[in-house]
Protein backbone atom coordinates (compact mmCIF):
# COMPACT_ATOMS: atom_id res chain seq x y z
CA MET A 1 99.45 -12.75 92.60
CA LEU A 2 96.04 -14.43 92.61
CA THR A 3 95.22 -17.21 95.02
CA VAL A 4 94.09 -20.55 93.52
CA GLN A 5 90.47 -19.68 94.29
CA GLU A 6 90.78 -16.24 92.69
CA PHE A 7 92.53 -17.70 89.66
CA VAL A 8 89.81 -20.33 89.16
CA GLN A 9 87.04 -17.76 89.56
CA ASN A 10 88.62 -15.33 87.09
CA ILE A 11 89.51 -17.84 84.40
CA SER A 12 86.11 -19.54 84.71
CA GLU A 13 84.38 -16.22 84.10
CA ASP A 14 86.59 -15.60 81.06
CA PHE A 15 85.86 -19.10 79.71
CA LYS A 16 82.12 -18.43 80.06
CA LYS A 17 82.47 -15.55 77.61
CA VAL A 18 83.64 -18.02 74.97
CA PHE A 19 82.16 -21.44 75.74
CA PRO A 20 78.45 -22.26 76.29
CA GLU A 21 79.09 -24.59 79.23
CA VAL A 22 81.73 -24.12 81.91
CA ARG A 23 81.76 -26.11 85.14
CA VAL A 24 84.31 -26.13 87.95
CA GLU A 25 84.83 -29.60 89.39
CA ASP A 26 87.19 -30.89 92.07
CA LYS A 27 90.46 -30.78 90.15
CA PHE A 28 89.31 -29.64 86.73
CA ILE A 29 87.51 -26.92 84.84
CA ARG A 30 85.21 -28.66 82.39
CA LEU A 31 84.28 -26.98 79.09
CA GLY A 32 81.68 -28.27 76.65
CA THR A 33 78.95 -30.91 76.83
CA GLU A 34 78.66 -34.56 77.76
CA VAL A 35 79.34 -35.47 74.13
CA THR A 36 82.22 -33.08 73.47
CA HIS A 37 84.19 -31.61 76.32
CA VAL A 38 87.63 -30.63 77.59
CA GLU A 39 88.84 -31.02 81.17
CA LEU A 40 91.56 -28.55 82.13
CA PRO A 41 93.65 -29.38 85.26
CA ILE A 42 93.42 -26.56 87.79
CA ASN A 43 96.74 -27.30 89.51
CA GLY A 44 98.63 -27.45 86.21
CA MET A 45 97.19 -24.18 84.96
CA TYR A 46 97.86 -22.45 88.27
CA LYS A 47 101.50 -23.60 88.36
CA GLU A 48 102.02 -22.22 84.85
CA TYR A 49 100.37 -18.96 85.90
CA GLN A 50 102.86 -18.64 88.79
CA VAL A 51 105.81 -18.51 86.39
CA THR A 52 104.19 -16.30 83.75
CA ASP A 53 101.10 -14.03 83.83
CA TYR A 54 97.33 -14.41 83.83
CA GLU A 55 96.64 -13.09 80.31
CA SER A 56 99.18 -15.46 78.75
CA ILE A 57 97.69 -18.50 80.52
CA LYS A 58 94.14 -17.47 79.63
CA LYS A 59 95.01 -17.08 75.92
CA LEU A 60 96.96 -20.34 75.88
CA TYR A 61 94.16 -22.44 77.36
CA LEU A 62 91.48 -20.74 75.29
CA LYS A 63 93.49 -21.69 72.20
CA ILE A 64 94.08 -25.28 73.37
CA SER A 65 90.40 -25.78 74.27
CA LYS A 66 89.10 -24.37 70.98
CA GLU A 67 91.44 -26.61 68.99
CA ILE A 68 90.34 -29.73 70.87
CA LEU A 69 86.61 -28.96 70.68
CA ASN A 70 86.79 -28.03 66.99
CA GLN A 71 88.20 -31.48 66.19
CA TYR A 72 84.79 -32.86 67.09
CA LYS A 73 82.61 -30.28 65.40
CA PHE A 74 79.86 -31.90 63.42
CA LYS A 75 80.60 -32.24 59.71
CA VAL A 76 77.72 -32.42 57.26
CA ASP A 77 77.62 -35.21 54.71
CA TYR A 78 76.09 -33.29 51.80
CA ASN A 79 75.06 -36.54 50.13
CA ASN A 80 72.71 -37.36 53.01
CA VAL A 81 71.27 -33.99 54.02
CA TYR A 82 67.57 -33.23 53.51
CA PRO A 83 65.02 -30.53 54.38
CA MET A 84 62.31 -31.55 56.84
CA LEU A 85 59.10 -29.72 57.70
CA LYS A 86 58.40 -29.28 61.40
CA SER A 87 55.94 -27.39 63.56
CA ARG A 88 57.15 -23.91 64.46
CA ASP A 89 57.02 -25.07 68.10
CA PHE A 90 59.39 -27.96 67.45
CA GLY A 91 62.54 -27.71 69.53
CA LYS A 92 61.54 -24.49 71.26
CA GLY A 93 62.64 -24.42 74.89
CA GLU A 94 64.81 -27.55 74.67
CA ASN A 95 67.95 -26.35 76.45
CA ASN A 96 68.22 -23.46 73.97
CA ILE A 97 69.27 -25.77 71.13
CA GLN A 98 69.76 -23.51 68.12
CA PHE A 99 68.29 -25.47 65.21
CA TYR A 100 68.95 -23.97 61.81
CA ARG A 101 65.42 -23.22 60.63
CA GLU A 102 63.47 -21.12 58.14
CA GLN A 103 59.79 -20.19 58.17
CA THR A 104 57.92 -22.03 55.41
CA PHE A 105 54.21 -21.66 56.21
CA LEU A 106 52.48 -19.66 58.94
CA ASP A 107 52.83 -22.45 61.53
CA VAL A 108 55.53 -24.57 59.89
CA ASP A 109 59.32 -24.25 59.58
CA THR A 110 61.86 -26.05 57.44
CA LEU A 111 64.72 -27.61 59.37
CA TYR A 112 67.57 -29.63 57.88
CA VAL A 113 68.76 -33.10 58.82
CA THR A 114 71.49 -35.53 57.99
CA ASP A 115 70.00 -38.97 57.49
CA ALA A 116 72.13 -41.75 58.98
CA GLY A 117 69.55 -44.45 58.37
CA GLU A 118 67.94 -45.04 61.75
CA VAL A 119 68.93 -41.66 63.16
CA PHE A 120 68.33 -38.07 62.07
CA ARG A 121 70.74 -35.40 63.20
CA PHE A 122 69.36 -31.87 62.88
CA ILE A 123 71.65 -29.13 61.57
CA LEU A 124 72.41 -26.47 64.19
CA LYS A 125 73.35 -22.83 63.74
CA THR A 126 76.60 -23.59 65.55
CA ASP A 127 77.65 -26.38 63.15
CA ASP A 128 80.67 -26.00 60.91
CA VAL A 129 78.53 -25.74 57.78
CA ASP A 130 78.37 -23.71 54.59
CA PHE A 131 74.62 -23.15 54.96
CA ASP A 132 74.04 -22.10 51.34
CA MET A 133 75.80 -25.22 50.07
CA MET A 134 73.96 -27.36 52.63
CA LYS A 135 70.53 -26.06 51.59
CA LYS A 136 71.28 -26.48 47.89
CA ALA A 137 72.38 -30.08 48.51
CA ALA A 138 69.36 -30.81 50.74
CA TRP A 139 66.78 -29.67 48.18
CA GLY A 140 68.71 -31.42 45.42
CA ASN A 141 68.61 -34.68 47.38
CA LEU A 142 64.89 -34.28 48.10
CA ASN A 143 64.16 -33.70 44.42
CA LYS A 144 65.74 -37.06 43.60
CA MET A 145 63.07 -38.85 45.65
CA ARG A 146 60.10 -40.32 43.81
CA ASN A 147 56.78 -41.16 45.45
CA PRO A 148 53.59 -41.34 43.35
CA LEU A 149 50.36 -39.61 44.34
CA VAL A 150 47.48 -42.09 44.61
CA LYS A 151 43.79 -41.60 45.28
CA LEU A 152 42.49 -42.46 48.74
CA ASP A 153 39.21 -43.47 47.14
CA THR A 154 38.38 -43.92 43.47
CA THR A 155 35.31 -41.70 43.82
CA LEU A 156 37.16 -38.75 45.42
CA GLU A 157 39.85 -36.45 44.10
CA ILE A 158 41.79 -36.69 47.34
CA TYR A 159 45.33 -38.00 47.13
CA THR A 160 48.12 -39.20 49.36
CA LEU A 161 51.57 -40.68 48.73
CA LYS A 162 51.88 -44.36 47.89
CA PHE A 163 54.95 -45.09 50.01
CA THR A 164 55.47 -44.14 53.67
CA THR A 165 58.65 -42.18 54.38
CA ASP A 166 59.75 -39.61 56.94
CA TYR A 167 59.89 -37.03 54.14
CA ASN A 168 56.32 -37.37 52.82
CA SER A 169 55.16 -33.99 54.10
CA THR A 170 58.35 -32.27 52.91
CA LEU A 171 57.98 -33.80 49.44
CA LEU A 172 55.11 -31.37 48.91
CA LEU A 173 57.76 -28.75 48.16
CA SER A 174 59.77 -30.88 45.74
CA THR A 175 59.71 -30.08 42.04
CA ALA A 176 58.77 -33.66 41.13
CA LEU A 177 55.71 -33.73 43.39
CA GLN A 178 54.59 -30.25 42.39
CA ASN A 179 54.63 -31.47 38.78
CA GLN A 180 52.48 -34.48 39.78
CA ILE A 181 49.99 -32.25 41.59
CA CYS A 182 49.77 -29.90 38.62
CA LYS A 183 49.01 -32.79 36.24
CA LYS A 184 46.48 -34.56 38.48
CA ILE A 185 44.75 -31.63 40.20
CA GLY A 186 45.94 -28.31 38.82
CA ARG A 187 47.53 -25.24 40.39
CA ASP A 188 44.72 -24.47 42.83
CA TYR A 189 44.31 -27.17 45.47
CA LEU A 190 43.90 -28.05 49.15
CA PHE A 191 46.55 -29.81 51.19
CA ALA A 192 47.37 -30.87 54.75
CA ILE A 193 50.59 -32.00 56.41
CA PRO A 194 49.44 -33.41 59.76
CA SER A 195 52.68 -35.32 60.36
CA ALA A 196 56.05 -36.23 58.88
CA THR A 197 54.75 -39.30 57.05
CA THR A 198 51.39 -37.93 55.92
CA LEU A 199 50.59 -35.62 53.03
CA ILE A 200 47.02 -35.06 51.84
CA VAL A 201 46.33 -33.23 48.60
CA ALA A 202 42.85 -32.59 47.18
CA LYS A 203 41.01 -30.76 44.47
CA LEU A 204 39.60 -27.44 45.65
CA ARG A 205 36.10 -28.46 46.72
CA HIS A 206 34.31 -27.26 49.84
CA GLU A 207 32.96 -30.73 50.66
CA TYR A 208 36.50 -32.11 50.83
CA ILE A 209 37.44 -29.90 53.79
CA LYS A 210 35.48 -31.99 56.32
CA ILE A 211 37.00 -35.18 54.92
CA ILE A 212 40.52 -33.75 55.24
CA GLU A 213 39.78 -32.63 58.80
CA SER A 214 38.78 -36.22 59.64
CA LEU A 215 41.96 -37.57 58.05
CA ILE A 216 44.03 -35.17 60.14
CA MET A 217 42.25 -36.33 63.30
CA ILE A 218 42.93 -40.03 62.68
CA ASP A 219 46.55 -39.64 61.62
CA ASN A 220 48.53 -41.71 64.14
CA ASP A 221 52.07 -40.57 63.41
CA PRO A 222 53.38 -39.00 66.66
CA ASN A 223 55.66 -36.63 64.71
CA LYS A 224 52.96 -33.97 64.31
CA ILE A 225 53.44 -30.94 62.09
CA SER A 226 50.22 -28.99 61.53
CA SER A 227 46.50 -29.48 62.12
CA LYS A 228 45.67 -26.77 59.58
CA ILE A 229 44.30 -27.15 56.06
CA TYR A 230 46.08 -25.07 53.45
CA ARG A 231 45.17 -23.84 50.02
CA CYS A 232 47.80 -23.45 47.35
CA LYS A 233 46.83 -21.11 44.52
CA ASN A 234 49.44 -20.56 41.81
CA GLY A 235 52.26 -21.22 44.26
CA ILE A 236 50.87 -19.06 47.08
CA PHE A 237 50.08 -20.90 50.34
CA ASP A 238 47.36 -19.77 52.77
CA ILE A 239 45.58 -21.43 55.68
CA ILE A 240 41.88 -22.11 55.04
CA ASP A 241 39.74 -19.97 57.36
CA GLU A 242 38.22 -21.80 60.34
CA GLY A 243 34.77 -20.99 59.01
CA HIS A 244 35.78 -22.28 55.56
């Protein structure tokens, strides 16, 4: 029969194969995070082990812990889920958080969020989500948004969005905004998405590149996305060469 110390060591190692965080405390083995966790009493588990066997106790407490933690798994509200463009570096190295993300441009990914008003909650790979349904709902919700393109200056064919929202850059990919761009500018144009709230779209003219670079530099939204200038030609997106 295992001693208490041996039992704790063995079952902790087995828990680590299943749960991302396992910590042995004074009288408990703690599974999960600060937000969602289970505390299993060491003495209680050991007493049950003494009258049965190790494998039975391990399976029992794995089952109990999974059931408790799954009660608190994040559920997506499909009515309030949206795509959001972010730098490819966003979230990298932050405690190995596994954001659900897809590459959109060379230096930009699409992530997905639930919008609770003042707070965004990013969708994770570990969430209890039908990802195909979630993405369909997210793009459908984005396409319901309306935000008119307006000229920055009456003498220039450089446009931005009239209203400031956290989805302005992402709206570039919406059907409604693509239709606006096609009508105002055509299917061959320049654009920049320096931050979440800023979208710049311009007619394809070499002299506009310097102006767009200046607009990127003065954008004061801290939620940066990309410092690049892109060209869209018939639905194909490419970064403008540094030498223009």
